[in-house]
Amino acid sequence: MIKVLTPATNRKLATLSQIKLELGIEENDDDNLLNSLILRMSGKIEDYCHRTFAKQVYEETISGKGKILLLTNIPIIYVTSVTCGGDPIVDYEIYNDEAGELYRDAGWTWDISVWWGEATDNIKQNFTVVYCAGYLLPGETGDGKPLPSAIEDACIQCVKEAYLSRRDSLRVTTERIGNYSVSYDPTPLLDKLLRGWVRIC
């Protein structure tokens, strides 16, 4: 079970200035349209990859197994707390932030042999972890790793293609004139650029 405790205030995977540079646009006439496309394509990329790339604070309850506790959201920036049944756990370390791994030498299961003096199957326990995970998005500063260039470039390319194809592309599914609106299916481009970034659910 995962709760978002502190949602991201920005989920744009590219900046307006990057998009305009890529398109060779200097005037501001289409800024509203471009910002709308950036938001829409960023959301499409998140949906395609089954993950949120922006930094957020999560509370995740997960069953332990072996010496590695595998968190869902990555990369881990920091861990605020780990508890089991309300009791704090402090003897752990972030083993691999990109894989979401917390290492604990004592293991993340309760070994009943400690009490019964004989080898038995370990009993799974649920641990609740409060942690911050995600990337610094383009234009952001602070703690964390920058968004991988592959994700940023995918957003730029999707926005660029949607913008240039808004009149005549066969993949434009809807248009509205007046407060201009366009719907665009970026799936073929995302299949090409981001297949390796899809999280297996």
Protein backbone atom coordinates (compact mmCIF):
# COMPACT_ATOMS: atom_id res chain seq x y z
CA MET A 1 0.00 0.00 0.00
CA ILE A 2 1.37 3.40 -1.00
CA LYS A 3 0.24 6.87 0.03
CA VAL A 4 1.57 10.13 -1.36
CA LEU A 5 2.24 12.34 1.66
CA THR A 6 3.72 15.31 -0.20
CA PRO A 7 2.74 15.47 -3.88
CA ALA A 8 4.95 17.16 -6.44
CA THR A 9 4.05 20.75 -7.28
CA ASN A 10 5.64 20.41 -10.72
CA ARG A 11 5.44 17.38 -13.00
CA LYS A 12 6.63 18.92 -16.26
CA LEU A 13 9.33 16.77 -17.84
CA ALA A 14 10.57 19.63 -20.04
CA THR A 15 10.60 23.41 -19.81
CA LEU A 16 8.92 25.89 -22.10
CA SER A 17 12.29 27.44 -22.99
CA GLN A 18 13.65 24.03 -24.06
CA ILE A 19 10.63 23.39 -26.25
CA LYS A 20 10.81 26.81 -27.92
CA LEU A 21 14.52 26.38 -28.54
CA GLU A 22 13.89 22.99 -30.15
CA LEU A 23 11.13 24.46 -32.33
CA GLY A 24 13.06 27.64 -33.14
CA ILE A 25 10.29 29.83 -31.71
CA GLU A 26 11.09 33.24 -30.26
CA GLU A 27 7.65 34.85 -30.03
CA ASN A 28 5.26 34.12 -27.14
CA ASP A 29 2.05 33.67 -29.12
CA ASP A 30 1.82 29.91 -28.57
CA ASP A 31 3.16 29.75 -24.99
CA ASN A 32 -0.20 28.69 -23.53
CA LEU A 33 -0.55 25.92 -26.09
CA LEU A 34 3.01 24.72 -25.57
CA ASN A 35 2.63 24.70 -21.77
CA SER A 36 -0.56 22.69 -22.16
CA LEU A 37 1.22 20.21 -24.42
CA ILE A 38 4.13 19.89 -21.98
CA LEU A 39 1.73 19.00 -19.15
CA ARG A 40 -0.23 16.60 -21.33
CA MET A 41 2.80 14.81 -22.76
CA SER A 42 4.43 14.60 -19.31
CA GLY A 43 1.30 12.86 -18.08
CA LYS A 44 1.32 10.53 -21.09
CA ILE A 45 4.93 9.59 -20.33
CA GLU A 46 4.10 8.88 -16.68
CA ASP A 47 1.16 6.70 -17.75
CA TYR A 48 3.27 4.88 -20.32
CA CYS A 49 6.09 4.21 -17.87
CA HIS A 50 3.75 3.43 -14.93
CA ARG A 51 5.66 5.77 -12.63
CA THR A 52 5.99 9.32 -11.36
CA PHE A 53 9.34 10.95 -12.11
CA ALA A 54 8.93 14.08 -9.96
CA LYS A 55 10.09 14.15 -6.33
CA GLN A 56 7.38 13.14 -3.87
CA VAL A 57 7.21 11.93 -0.27
CA TYR A 58 5.59 8.52 0.14
CA GLU A 59 4.39 6.24 2.89
CA GLU A 60 4.67 2.64 1.75
CA THR A 61 3.75 -0.51 3.64
CA ILE A 62 5.54 -3.55 2.29
CA SER A 63 6.31 -7.12 3.36
CA GLY A 64 9.90 -7.93 4.18
CA LYS A 65 11.90 -10.75 2.61
CA GLY A 66 15.56 -11.58 3.05
CA LYS A 67 17.98 -8.72 3.64
CA ILE A 68 16.65 -6.36 0.96
CA LEU A 69 13.45 -4.34 1.29
CA LEU A 70 12.38 -3.23 -2.18
CA LEU A 71 10.54 0.10 -2.36
CA THR A 72 8.31 0.94 -5.29
CA ASN A 73 9.31 4.52 -6.12
CA ILE A 74 12.81 5.38 -7.28
CA PRO A 75 15.38 6.75 -7.00
CA ILE A 76 15.35 7.03 -3.22
CA ILE A 77 16.52 10.46 -2.08
CA TYR A 78 16.16 9.94 1.66
CA VAL A 79 14.29 7.80 4.16
CA THR A 80 12.53 9.53 7.04
CA SER A 81 11.45 6.47 9.03
CA VAL A 82 11.00 2.73 8.97
CA THR A 83 8.62 1.11 11.45
CA CYS A 84 7.23 -2.36 12.10
CA GLY A 85 4.04 -2.53 14.13
CA GLY A 86 4.75 1.02 15.29
CA ASP A 87 8.27 0.16 16.50
CA PRO A 88 11.11 2.09 14.83
CA ILE A 89 13.73 0.24 12.75
CA VAL A 90 17.08 2.02 12.50
CA ASP A 91 19.63 -0.67 11.55
CA TYR A 92 19.30 -0.31 7.78
CA GLU A 93 20.95 1.57 4.94
CA ILE A 94 20.04 2.68 1.44
CA TYR A 95 21.79 -0.04 -0.54
CA ASN A 96 20.84 0.96 -4.10
CA ASP A 97 18.86 4.17 -4.51
CA GLU A 98 18.15 3.60 -8.21
CA ALA A 99 16.70 0.15 -7.51
CA GLY A 100 14.82 1.24 -4.36
CA GLU A 101 16.72 -1.17 -2.11
CA LEU A 102 17.06 -0.87 1.67
CA TYR A 103 19.58 -3.28 3.20
CA ARG A 104 19.34 -4.68 6.71
CA ASP A 105 21.90 -7.16 7.96
CA ALA A 106 19.40 -8.64 10.42
CA GLY A 107 16.98 -9.23 7.57
CA TRP A 108 13.43 -8.07 6.99
CA THR A 109 11.72 -11.22 8.23
CA TRP A 110 11.19 -12.51 11.74
CA ASP A 111 13.14 -15.71 12.29
CA ILE A 112 11.04 -17.87 14.60
CA SER A 113 14.07 -20.08 15.34
CA VAL A 114 15.32 -17.30 17.62
CA TRP A 115 12.47 -18.20 19.95
CA TRP A 116 12.00 -21.93 19.30
CA GLY A 117 15.65 -22.87 18.85
CA GLU A 118 15.15 -24.78 15.61
CA ALA A 119 15.28 -23.97 11.93
CA THR A 120 11.87 -22.95 10.60
CA ASP A 121 10.50 -20.79 7.85
CA ASN A 122 10.83 -17.09 8.44
CA ILE A 123 7.61 -15.15 9.04
CA LYS A 124 6.94 -12.17 6.83
CA GLN A 125 6.38 -8.86 8.54
CA ASN A 126 4.95 -5.62 7.22
CA PHE A 127 7.19 -2.55 7.37
CA THR A 128 6.03 1.03 6.88
CA VAL A 129 8.57 3.29 5.20
CA VAL A 130 8.29 7.07 4.84
CA TYR A 131 10.67 8.24 2.14
CA CYS A 132 11.28 10.76 -0.62
CA ALA A 133 11.89 9.50 -4.14
CA GLY A 134 12.06 10.87 -7.66
CA TYR A 135 14.18 13.16 -9.81
CA LEU A 136 14.85 16.87 -10.05
CA LEU A 137 12.85 17.93 -13.08
CA PRO A 138 14.27 20.37 -15.67
CA GLY A 139 14.67 23.82 -14.14
CA GLU A 140 14.56 22.55 -10.53
CA THR A 141 17.33 22.72 -7.94
CA GLY A 142 17.84 20.97 -4.62
CA ASP A 143 18.54 17.46 -3.39
CA GLY A 144 18.28 14.59 -5.80
CA LYS A 145 19.47 13.42 -9.19
CA PRO A 146 18.52 15.23 -12.39
CA LEU A 147 15.89 13.69 -14.62
CA PRO A 148 17.55 11.27 -17.06
CA SER A 149 18.11 12.90 -20.42
CA ALA A 150 16.19 10.11 -22.17
CA ILE A 151 12.98 11.07 -20.32
CA GLU A 152 13.49 14.78 -20.94
CA ASP A 153 14.21 14.23 -24.62
CA ALA A 154 11.13 12.02 -25.00
CA CYS A 155 8.95 14.81 -23.63
CA ILE A 156 10.56 17.38 -25.92
CA GLN A 157 10.10 15.16 -28.97
CA CYS A 158 6.48 14.35 -28.10
CA VAL A 159 5.60 18.02 -27.61
CA LYS A 160 7.43 18.97 -30.79
CA GLU A 161 5.67 16.34 -32.89
CA ALA A 162 2.26 17.15 -31.39
CA TYR A 163 2.78 20.87 -32.02
CA LEU A 164 3.97 20.46 -35.61
CA SER A 165 1.35 17.82 -36.41
CA ARG A 166 -1.63 19.50 -34.77
CA ARG A 167 -3.20 20.39 -38.11
CA ASP A 168 -2.61 17.40 -40.32
CA SER A 169 -1.30 14.38 -38.38
CA LEU A 170 -3.36 11.23 -38.64
CA ARG A 171 -2.70 10.65 -34.95
CA VAL A 172 -4.47 13.87 -33.91
CA THR A 173 -7.74 12.55 -32.51
CA THR A 174 -9.48 15.82 -31.53
CA GLU A 175 -9.19 19.52 -32.17
CA ARG A 176 -11.04 22.55 -30.93
CA ILE A 177 -10.60 26.05 -32.35
CA GLY A 178 -10.93 28.92 -29.87
CA ASN A 179 -8.78 28.41 -26.76
CA TYR A 180 -7.02 26.01 -29.08
CA SER A 181 -7.06 22.37 -27.98
CA VAL A 182 -5.48 19.29 -29.49
CA SER A 183 -5.42 15.63 -28.53
CA TYR A 184 -2.50 13.58 -29.75
CA ASP A 185 -1.45 9.96 -29.32
CA PRO A 186 2.31 9.81 -28.61
CA THR A 187 2.37 6.02 -28.03
CA PRO A 188 4.36 5.10 -31.18
CA LEU A 189 7.07 7.62 -30.28
CA LEU A 190 7.12 6.52 -26.63
CA ASP A 191 7.44 2.88 -27.69
CA LYS A 192 10.53 3.87 -29.62
CA LEU A 193 12.15 6.13 -27.00
CA LEU A 194 11.11 4.83 -23.57
CA ARG A 195 10.45 1.11 -23.72
CA GLY A 196 13.35 0.48 -21.33
CA TRP A 197 11.90 2.89 -18.75
CA VAL A 198 8.56 1.12 -18.29
CA ARG A 199 8.07 -0.18 -14.76
CA ILE A 200 6.73 -3.71 -14.58
CA CYS A 201 3.62 -3.50 -12.41
